[in-house]
């Protein structure tokens, strides 16, 4: 069971590697997570909420300097 959880965690990380690398870099530059309300994704790597019926991608938090 632990191996399955580790596998899914690894796959999630690998599929979103660009997001994690970008957020790590920005946090080292002083960026912090800030609540921005319901917004569309802005072109930077994100982990959006995707609404299946409309295919809309939204975020609620964003790294800001």
C-alpha atoms as a PDB file:
ATOM      1  CA  UNK A   1       0.000   0.000   0.000  1.00  0.00           C
ATOM      2  CA  UNK A   2       2.814   2.399   0.865  1.00  0.00           C
ATOM      3  CA  UNK A   3       4.446   1.682  -2.492  1.00  0.00           C
ATOM      4  CA  UNK A   4       1.234   2.660  -4.312  1.00  0.00           C
ATOM      5  CA  UNK A   5       1.016   5.950  -2.407  1.00  0.00           C
ATOM      6  CA  UNK A   6       4.679   6.661  -3.146  1.00  0.00           C
ATOM      7  CA  UNK A   7       4.119   5.853  -6.830  1.00  0.00           C
ATOM      8  CA  UNK A   8       1.163   8.242  -7.118  1.00  0.00           C
ATOM      9  CA  UNK A   9       3.074  10.941  -5.244  1.00  0.00           C
ATOM     10  CA  UNK A  10       6.035  10.534  -7.576  1.00  0.00           C
ATOM     11  CA  UNK A  11       3.838  10.640 -10.673  1.00  0.00           C
ATOM     12  CA  UNK A  12       2.049  13.776  -9.416  1.00  0.00           C
ATOM     13  CA  UNK A  13       5.388  15.480  -8.749  1.00  0.00           C
ATOM     14  CA  UNK A  14       6.807  14.448 -12.132  1.00  0.00           C
ATOM     15  CA  UNK A  15       3.720  15.625 -14.046  1.00  0.00           C
ATOM     16  CA  UNK A  16       3.878  19.023 -12.297  1.00  0.00           C
ATOM     17  CA  UNK A  17       7.652  19.428 -12.177  1.00  0.00           C
ATOM     18  CA  UNK A  18       7.605  22.811 -13.950  1.00  0.00           C
ATOM     19  CA  UNK A  19       5.191  24.195 -11.333  1.00  0.00           C
ATOM     20  CA  UNK A  20       7.272  22.927  -8.410  1.00  0.00           C
ATOM     21  CA  UNK A  21      10.544  24.214  -9.918  1.00  0.00           C
ATOM     22  CA  UNK A  22       9.058  27.648 -10.646  1.00  0.00           C
ATOM     23  CA  UNK A  23       7.484  27.961  -7.193  1.00  0.00           C
ATOM     24  CA  UNK A  24      10.733  26.892  -5.478  1.00  0.00           C
ATOM     25  CA  UNK A  25      12.691  29.494  -7.481  1.00  0.00           C
ATOM     26  CA  UNK A  26      10.181  32.281  -6.800  1.00  0.00           C
ATOM     27  CA  UNK A  27       9.980  31.492  -3.075  1.00  0.00           C
ATOM     28  CA  UNK A  28      13.778  31.750  -2.860  1.00  0.00           C
ATOM     29  CA  UNK A  29      13.430  35.238  -4.423  1.00  0.00           C
ATOM     30  CA  UNK A  30      11.025  36.354  -1.692  1.00  0.00           C
ATOM     31  CA  UNK A  31       7.674  35.556  -3.301  1.00  0.00           C
ATOM     32  CA  UNK A  32       4.866  34.506  -0.962  1.00  0.00           C
ATOM     33  CA  UNK A  33       1.516  32.816  -1.503  1.00  0.00           C
ATOM     34  CA  UNK A  34      -1.287  35.362  -1.635  1.00  0.00           C
ATOM     35  CA  UNK A  35      -5.030  34.810  -1.891  1.00  0.00           C
ATOM     36  CA  UNK A  36      -6.206  36.400  -5.164  1.00  0.00           C
ATOM     37  CA  UNK A  37      -9.802  35.182  -5.228  1.00  0.00           C
ATOM     38  CA  UNK A  38     -11.234  33.265  -8.135  1.00  0.00           C
ATOM     39  CA  UNK A  39      -9.025  34.037 -11.163  1.00  0.00           C
ATOM     40  CA  UNK A  40      -8.164  32.417 -14.458  1.00  0.00           C
ATOM     41  CA  UNK A  41      -4.676  31.016 -14.850  1.00  0.00           C
ATOM     42  CA  UNK A  42      -2.253  33.685 -16.055  1.00  0.00           C
ATOM     43  CA  UNK A  43       0.226  31.727 -18.143  1.00  0.00           C
ATOM     44  CA  UNK A  44       2.639  30.875 -15.354  1.00  0.00           C
ATOM     45  CA  UNK A  45       2.859  27.254 -14.217  1.00  0.00           C
ATOM     46  CA  UNK A  46      -0.070  26.512 -11.917  1.00  0.00           C
ATOM     47  CA  UNK A  47      -2.076  23.730 -10.324  1.00  0.00           C
ATOM     48  CA  UNK A  48      -5.525  24.953 -11.378  1.00  0.00           C
ATOM     49  CA  UNK A  49      -8.965  23.689 -10.494  1.00  0.00           C
ATOM     50  CA  UNK A  50     -10.496  22.534 -13.780  1.00  0.00           C
ATOM     51  CA  UNK A  51     -14.258  22.507 -14.191  1.00  0.00           C
ATOM     52  CA  UNK A  52     -15.152  19.507 -16.317  1.00  0.00           C
ATOM     53  CA  UNK A  53     -18.316  20.920 -17.947  1.00  0.00           C
ATOM     54  CA  UNK A  54     -16.791  24.228 -19.068  1.00  0.00           C
ATOM     55  CA  UNK A  55     -13.095  23.244 -19.133  1.00  0.00           C
ATOM     56  CA  UNK A  56     -12.417  26.468 -17.198  1.00  0.00           C
ATOM     57  CA  UNK A  57      -9.132  26.609 -15.249  1.00  0.00           C
ATOM     58  CA  UNK A  58      -9.111  28.754 -12.109  1.00  0.00           C
ATOM     59  CA  UNK A  59      -6.760  29.504  -9.238  1.00  0.00           C
ATOM     60  CA  UNK A  60      -7.324  31.039  -5.807  1.00  0.00           C
ATOM     61  CA  UNK A  61      -3.709  31.582  -4.677  1.00  0.00           C
ATOM     62  CA  UNK A  62      -0.696  32.979  -6.503  1.00  0.00           C
ATOM     63  CA  UNK A  63       2.944  33.602  -5.643  1.00  0.00           C
ATOM     64  CA  UNK A  64       3.518  37.365  -5.474  1.00  0.00           C
ATOM     65  CA  UNK A  65       6.567  39.468  -4.666  1.00  0.00           C
END
